[in-house]
């Protein structure tokens, strides 16, 4: 899906003092819509939109802000969400829709993955229409499991990935290079094998030794 706005136009709007021109918002907001629909991502353009809203509260568009936060959420574990939320005024953060997204981010950051999916199930419209968000979140969860577990129960894995059907769960297990063991366990990794010893050899040249010995004579 091609962007309705050329990359050159966006770059020009983000250059120098033009970055703070509120008349650019109409075009930049269309750029955000395109990111949501296409799966593309432009953090700098999104930050510029939030900064313009901050300087020009009368232009504030809650829907666009939510879309920007959702795109940032899909880029976890990068700190994009924190960067974006820091540009949203406290009063605006108290809006139920924005507050909901702040909660979702907190649940992911604190690895409360089951609670995250419960919140999504309760209000699926919150992430509706954002291409690739759920896959991005599951990719992040699998990364966390890879660095924190050697084995995980298959039902626990299913729960933290959002109660996936058997076939979908198999896809993620294979995608991560994990394997099935006994007692419904998924073998993730043997972290002990990843710990490598390193011999540290200090080399001291003959001239340094000679100078040291001469100084003590």
Protein backbone atom coordinates (compact mmCIF):
# COMPACT_ATOMS: atom_id res chain seq x y z
CA UNK A 1 0.00 0.00 0.00
CA UNK A 2 1.59 3.24 -1.16
CA UNK A 3 1.64 6.29 1.07
CA UNK A 4 -0.69 9.13 0.03
CA UNK A 5 2.16 11.49 0.90
CA UNK A 6 5.60 11.25 -0.64
CA UNK A 7 8.63 10.64 1.53
CA UNK A 8 10.12 13.89 0.21
CA UNK A 9 7.09 15.87 1.40
CA UNK A 10 7.26 14.34 4.88
CA UNK A 11 11.01 15.00 5.08
CA UNK A 12 10.46 18.64 4.13
CA UNK A 13 7.80 19.04 6.81
CA UNK A 14 10.15 17.66 9.45
CA UNK A 15 13.06 19.87 8.44
CA UNK A 16 14.08 22.85 10.56
CA UNK A 17 11.48 25.39 11.69
CA UNK A 18 8.91 23.83 9.35
CA UNK A 19 8.61 21.01 11.88
CA UNK A 20 6.64 23.37 14.13
CA UNK A 21 4.15 24.57 11.51
CA UNK A 22 0.64 23.47 12.66
CA UNK A 23 -0.63 23.75 9.09
CA UNK A 24 1.32 20.56 8.35
CA UNK A 25 -0.91 18.55 10.67
CA UNK A 26 -3.52 17.62 8.08
CA UNK A 27 -0.89 15.92 5.92
CA UNK A 28 0.95 14.38 8.88
CA UNK A 29 -2.28 12.95 10.27
CA UNK A 30 -2.95 11.25 6.92
CA UNK A 31 0.58 9.87 7.17
CA UNK A 32 -0.32 8.34 10.55
CA UNK A 33 -3.48 6.77 9.06
CA UNK A 34 -1.36 5.20 6.33
CA UNK A 35 1.06 3.74 8.88
CA UNK A 36 -1.80 2.09 10.75
CA UNK A 37 -3.28 0.56 7.62
CA UNK A 38 -0.07 -0.47 5.89
CA UNK A 39 2.09 -1.63 8.80
CA UNK A 40 4.74 1.01 8.03
CA UNK A 41 6.26 3.05 10.84
CA UNK A 42 7.67 6.59 11.01
CA UNK A 43 8.59 7.52 14.58
CA UNK A 44 10.00 10.95 13.75
CA UNK A 45 6.86 12.03 11.92
CA UNK A 46 4.70 10.75 14.79
CA UNK A 47 6.76 12.61 17.38
CA UNK A 48 6.36 15.77 15.30
CA UNK A 49 2.57 15.34 15.35
CA UNK A 50 2.54 14.98 19.14
CA UNK A 51 4.80 18.00 19.56
CA UNK A 52 2.48 20.08 17.36
CA UNK A 53 -0.49 19.00 19.48
CA UNK A 54 1.47 19.98 22.57
CA UNK A 55 2.14 23.47 21.21
CA UNK A 56 -1.33 23.83 19.67
CA UNK A 57 -3.90 22.15 21.98
CA UNK A 58 -6.82 23.30 19.83
CA UNK A 59 -5.59 20.99 17.03
CA UNK A 60 -5.49 17.92 19.30
CA UNK A 61 -6.98 14.77 17.76
CA UNK A 62 -7.46 11.91 20.23
CA UNK A 63 -7.85 9.27 17.54
CA UNK A 64 -4.54 10.20 15.93
CA UNK A 65 -2.79 10.16 19.31
CA UNK A 66 -4.15 6.67 20.01
CA UNK A 67 -2.96 5.47 16.61
CA UNK A 68 0.53 6.84 17.29
CA UNK A 69 0.65 5.12 20.68
CA UNK A 70 -0.48 1.83 19.15
CA UNK A 71 2.26 2.03 16.52
CA UNK A 72 4.80 2.73 19.25
CA UNK A 73 3.43 -0.17 21.30
CA UNK A 74 4.02 -2.48 18.33
CA UNK A 75 7.68 -1.46 18.37
CA UNK A 76 8.31 -2.69 21.90
CA UNK A 77 10.96 -3.24 23.41
CA UNK A 78 12.22 0.00 21.83
CA UNK A 79 11.46 3.00 24.09
CA UNK A 80 9.21 4.62 21.47
CA UNK A 81 6.06 4.41 23.59
CA UNK A 82 7.68 6.28 26.47
CA UNK A 83 8.96 8.92 24.07
CA UNK A 84 5.50 9.43 22.62
CA UNK A 85 3.61 9.41 25.91
CA UNK A 86 6.02 11.99 27.36
CA UNK A 87 4.68 14.49 24.78
CA UNK A 88 1.06 14.01 25.88
CA UNK A 89 -0.20 16.38 28.58
CA UNK A 90 -1.28 14.84 31.87
CA UNK A 91 -4.88 15.99 31.41
CA UNK A 92 -5.01 14.30 28.01
CA UNK A 93 -3.51 11.10 29.45
CA UNK A 94 -6.54 10.87 31.72
CA UNK A 95 -8.77 10.32 28.71
CA UNK A 96 -10.12 6.72 28.97
CA UNK A 97 -8.88 5.70 25.50
CA UNK A 98 -5.36 7.04 26.03
CA UNK A 99 -5.30 5.72 29.58
CA UNK A 100 -6.19 2.28 28.25
CA UNK A 101 -3.15 2.28 26.00
CA UNK A 102 -0.93 3.43 28.85
CA UNK A 103 -2.22 0.45 30.84
CA UNK A 104 -1.50 -1.97 27.98
CA UNK A 105 2.05 -0.69 27.73
CA UNK A 106 2.54 -1.08 31.48
CA UNK A 107 1.31 -4.68 31.35
CA UNK A 108 3.78 -5.53 28.60
CA UNK A 109 6.67 -3.77 30.30
CA UNK A 110 5.99 -5.65 33.54
CA UNK A 111 5.55 -8.95 31.66
CA UNK A 112 1.93 -9.38 32.74
CA UNK A 113 1.15 -10.91 29.39
CA UNK A 114 -1.99 -12.83 30.36
CA UNK A 115 -3.49 -9.65 31.78
CA UNK A 116 -2.58 -7.85 28.57
CA UNK A 117 -4.62 -10.26 26.45
CA UNK A 118 -7.50 -10.13 28.93
CA UNK A 119 -7.63 -6.37 28.46
CA UNK A 120 -7.54 -6.81 24.68
CA UNK A 121 -10.37 -9.35 24.82
CA UNK A 122 -12.44 -6.97 26.95
CA UNK A 123 -12.05 -4.09 24.49
CA UNK A 124 -10.89 -5.46 21.12
CA UNK A 125 -11.82 -2.20 19.41
CA UNK A 126 -8.83 -0.55 21.12
CA UNK A 127 -6.39 -2.16 18.70
CA UNK A 128 -8.81 -2.62 15.82
CA UNK A 129 -7.41 -1.87 12.40
CA UNK A 130 -3.75 -1.64 13.44
CA UNK A 131 -1.92 -3.95 11.05
CA UNK A 132 0.65 -6.25 12.64
CA UNK A 133 0.19 -5.18 16.27
CA UNK A 134 -0.73 -8.56 17.73
CA UNK A 135 2.09 -10.30 15.86
CA UNK A 136 4.58 -7.69 17.08
CA UNK A 137 3.44 -8.19 20.68
CA UNK A 138 3.73 -11.97 20.40
CA UNK A 139 7.20 -11.60 18.92
CA UNK A 140 8.19 -9.52 21.96
CA UNK A 141 6.70 -12.08 24.36
CA UNK A 142 8.62 -14.89 22.66
CA UNK A 143 11.81 -12.86 22.97
CA UNK A 144 11.20 -12.47 26.72
CA UNK A 145 10.58 -16.20 27.07
CA UNK A 146 13.76 -16.99 25.12
CA UNK A 147 15.98 -14.98 27.47
CA UNK A 148 14.23 -15.94 30.70
CA UNK A 149 13.25 -19.61 30.39
CA UNK A 150 14.88 -22.94 29.69
CA UNK A 151 11.54 -24.74 29.64
CA UNK A 152 7.94 -23.57 29.73
CA UNK A 153 4.68 -25.47 30.06
CA UNK A 154 2.80 -25.47 26.78
CA UNK A 155 -0.41 -24.24 28.40
CA UNK A 156 1.44 -21.38 30.08
CA UNK A 157 2.94 -20.48 26.72
CA UNK A 158 -0.48 -20.60 25.09
CA UNK A 159 -1.89 -18.26 27.77
CA UNK A 160 0.81 -15.60 27.50
CA UNK A 161 0.52 -15.63 23.70
CA UNK A 162 -3.20 -14.91 23.87
CA UNK A 163 -4.81 -18.38 23.99
CA UNK A 164 -3.69 -19.34 20.50
CA UNK A 165 -5.23 -22.29 18.70
CA UNK A 166 -3.06 -25.40 18.45
CA UNK A 167 -1.95 -24.72 14.88
CA UNK A 168 -1.03 -21.10 15.58
CA UNK A 169 0.89 -22.10 18.69
CA UNK A 170 2.85 -24.67 16.69
CA UNK A 171 3.81 -21.95 14.22
CA UNK A 172 5.30 -19.78 16.96
CA UNK A 173 7.12 -22.72 18.57
CA UNK A 174 8.71 -23.62 15.24
CA UNK A 175 9.39 -19.99 14.40
CA UNK A 176 11.37 -19.57 17.61
CA UNK A 177 13.31 -22.80 17.09
CA UNK A 178 11.91 -24.38 20.24
CA UNK A 179 11.09 -28.06 20.63
CA UNK A 180 8.60 -30.20 22.54
CA UNK A 181 9.71 -32.30 25.47
CA UNK A 182 7.90 -34.57 27.89
CA UNK A 183 5.26 -33.57 30.42
CA UNK A 184 3.84 -30.88 28.12
CA UNK A 185 7.05 -28.89 28.32
CA UNK A 186 8.51 -26.74 25.57
CA UNK A 187 12.30 -26.77 25.50
CA UNK A 188 13.37 -23.17 24.99
CA UNK A 189 17.11 -23.03 25.57
CA UNK A 190 19.94 -24.27 27.74
CA UNK A 191 21.37 -20.99 28.94
CA UNK A 192 24.29 -22.77 30.59
CA UNK A 193 25.54 -23.71 27.15
CA UNK A 194 25.57 -20.05 26.20
CA UNK A 195 27.96 -19.16 29.01
CA UNK A 196 31.44 -19.28 27.57
CA UNK A 197 34.63 -19.09 29.55
CA UNK A 198 37.23 -16.61 28.47
CA UNK A 199 40.93 -16.81 29.14
CA UNK A 200 42.47 -13.43 29.83
CA UNK A 201 46.13 -13.30 28.90
CA UNK A 202 48.12 -10.26 29.85
CA UNK A 203 51.17 -9.66 27.70
CA UNK A 204 54.06 -7.76 29.21
CA UNK A 205 56.88 -6.83 26.87
CA UNK A 206 60.52 -7.55 27.74
CA UNK A 207 61.38 -3.85 27.68
CA UNK A 208 58.84 -3.09 30.40
CA UNK A 209 60.21 -5.89 32.58
CA UNK A 210 63.75 -4.68 31.97
CA UNK A 211 62.84 -1.12 32.95
CA UNK A 212 61.08 -2.34 36.07
CA UNK A 213 64.08 -4.43 37.15
CA UNK A 214 66.48 -1.59 36.44
CA UNK A 215 64.48 0.82 38.60
CA UNK A 216 64.85 -1.52 41.59
CA UNK A 217 68.57 -2.02 41.22
